[in-house]
Amino acid sequence: MKNSTKGVLLSALVFPGLGQLVLKRYLPGFSIMLVVVAALILLIREALRQAHAILARLEAEGGPVDMAAITDAAHRAAGESGSTVSTVALLMLVAGWCIGVFDAWSAGRKIDSRTKGQ
């Protein structure tokens, strides 16, 4: 399997930055991984914050807590939230993934062309 294919598949399908590590490009690989992990942590933190707010709202309203009430509260919270943190984290995640795939592809092509010429 060509290095470019291996790097792209690992960065796209397994985890961004992993393709760079396999291609022995450690600094870019760990940098991309750090950005993606930070984005995931921010997204999870924001999701947990919103879940806690939904549960607090349901408790304050009283009444039965069933799936319909939880779904309704989640829809209301989603409509009210325009969290900048979530938007930035999602952009970081997508950018890290795209950069990881493109960088793995270009680095793999360079390695493939060097080994082909030898």
Protein backbone atom coordinates (compact mmCIF):
# COMPACT_ATOMS: atom_id res chain seq x y z
CA MET A 1 0.00 0.00 0.00
CA LYS A 2 1.32 3.43 -0.91
CA ASN A 3 2.33 5.76 1.92
CA SER A 4 -0.11 8.43 0.76
CA THR A 5 -3.02 5.98 0.88
CA LYS A 6 -2.00 4.60 4.26
CA GLY A 7 -1.63 8.09 5.76
CA VAL A 8 -4.95 9.34 4.40
CA LEU A 9 -6.88 6.29 5.56
CA LEU A 10 -5.46 6.46 9.07
CA SER A 11 -6.03 10.22 9.40
CA ALA A 12 -9.50 10.13 7.86
CA LEU A 13 -10.96 6.95 9.29
CA VAL A 14 -9.13 6.25 12.54
CA PHE A 15 -7.97 9.55 14.08
CA PRO A 16 -6.60 12.79 12.64
CA GLY A 17 -2.82 12.95 12.98
CA LEU A 18 -2.33 9.20 13.09
CA GLY A 19 -1.38 9.15 9.42
CA GLN A 20 1.39 11.65 10.14
CA LEU A 21 2.72 9.47 12.96
CA VAL A 22 2.87 6.43 10.67
CA LEU A 23 4.72 8.56 8.12
CA LYS A 24 7.18 9.56 10.89
CA ARG A 25 6.07 13.21 10.91
CA TYR A 26 5.72 13.38 14.67
CA LEU A 27 5.38 17.13 15.31
CA PRO A 28 2.56 17.69 12.79
CA GLY A 29 0.88 14.46 13.89
CA PHE A 30 0.86 15.29 17.59
CA SER A 31 -0.12 18.91 16.85
CA ILE A 32 -3.15 17.81 14.86
CA MET A 33 -4.07 15.27 17.51
CA LEU A 34 -3.81 17.93 20.22
CA VAL A 35 -6.15 20.29 18.35
CA VAL A 36 -8.70 17.53 17.73
CA VAL A 37 -8.60 16.26 21.32
CA ALA A 38 -8.99 19.81 22.65
CA ALA A 39 -11.99 20.35 20.36
CA LEU A 40 -13.55 17.08 21.48
CA ILE A 41 -13.06 17.99 25.14
CA LEU A 42 -14.69 21.38 24.57
CA LEU A 43 -17.64 19.80 22.76
CA ILE A 44 -18.16 17.17 25.46
CA ARG A 45 -17.89 19.80 28.19
CA GLU A 46 -20.47 21.98 26.46
CA ALA A 47 -22.81 19.02 25.93
CA LEU A 48 -22.57 18.09 29.60
CA ARG A 49 -23.23 21.69 30.61
CA GLN A 50 -26.34 21.78 28.46
CA ALA A 51 -27.51 18.41 29.78
CA HIS A 52 -27.12 19.66 33.34
CA ALA A 53 -29.09 22.81 32.49
CA ILE A 54 -31.87 20.71 30.95
CA LEU A 55 -32.08 18.50 34.02
CA ALA A 56 -32.12 21.53 36.31
CA ARG A 57 -34.94 23.06 34.25
CA LEU A 58 -36.95 19.85 34.38
CA GLU A 59 -36.51 19.61 38.14
CA ALA A 60 -37.55 23.25 38.59
CA GLU A 61 -40.69 22.78 36.47
CA GLY A 62 -41.68 19.69 38.42
CA GLY A 63 -44.07 17.13 37.06
CA PRO A 64 -43.23 13.80 35.51
CA VAL A 65 -39.89 13.39 33.83
CA ASP A 66 -40.48 11.19 30.84
CA MET A 67 -38.85 10.93 27.44
CA ALA A 68 -41.23 13.50 25.91
CA ALA A 69 -40.37 16.07 28.59
CA ILE A 70 -36.65 15.50 28.15
CA THR A 71 -36.92 15.75 24.36
CA ASP A 72 -38.98 18.95 24.60
CA ALA A 73 -36.48 20.52 27.03
CA ALA A 74 -33.57 19.52 24.80
CA HIS A 75 -35.22 21.10 21.75
CA ARG A 76 -35.86 24.32 23.69
CA ALA A 77 -32.26 24.40 24.93
CA ALA A 78 -30.92 23.78 21.43
CA GLY A 79 -33.01 26.62 20.07
CA GLU A 80 -31.84 29.00 22.79
CA SER A 81 -28.16 28.10 22.68
CA GLY A 82 -25.93 29.80 20.21
CA SER A 83 -22.82 28.83 22.09
CA THR A 84 -19.69 30.34 20.65
CA VAL A 85 -17.65 27.67 22.42
CA SER A 86 -19.49 24.90 20.58
CA THR A 87 -19.12 26.66 17.25
CA VAL A 88 -15.39 27.25 17.70
CA ALA A 89 -14.82 23.70 18.95
CA LEU A 90 -16.71 22.24 16.01
CA LEU A 91 -14.71 24.37 13.57
CA MET A 92 -11.48 23.25 15.27
CA LEU A 93 -12.55 19.62 14.96
CA VAL A 94 -13.45 19.87 11.27
CA ALA A 95 -10.34 21.92 10.45
CA GLY A 96 -8.09 19.48 12.32
CA TRP A 97 -9.63 16.54 10.49
CA CYS A 98 -9.33 18.17 7.06
CA ILE A 99 -5.79 19.40 7.66
CA GLY A 100 -4.81 15.96 8.97
CA VAL A 101 -6.11 14.22 5.87
CA PHE A 102 -4.59 16.71 3.43
CA ASP A 103 -1.23 16.81 5.21
CA ALA A 104 -1.04 13.01 5.39
CA TRP A 105 -1.84 12.78 1.69
CA SER A 106 0.76 15.37 0.65
CA ALA A 107 3.46 13.96 2.95
CA GLY A 108 2.72 10.43 1.75
CA ARG A 109 2.98 11.53 -1.89
CA LYS A 110 6.37 13.10 -1.23
CA ILE A 111 7.62 9.92 0.40
CA ASP A 112 6.17 7.81 -2.42
CA SER A 113 7.86 9.94 -5.09
CA ARG A 114 11.23 9.75 -3.28
CA THR A 115 11.07 5.96 -2.91
CA LYS A 116 9.86 5.54 -6.50
CA GLY A 117 12.83 7.50 -7.85
CA GLN A 118 15.37 5.34 -6.06
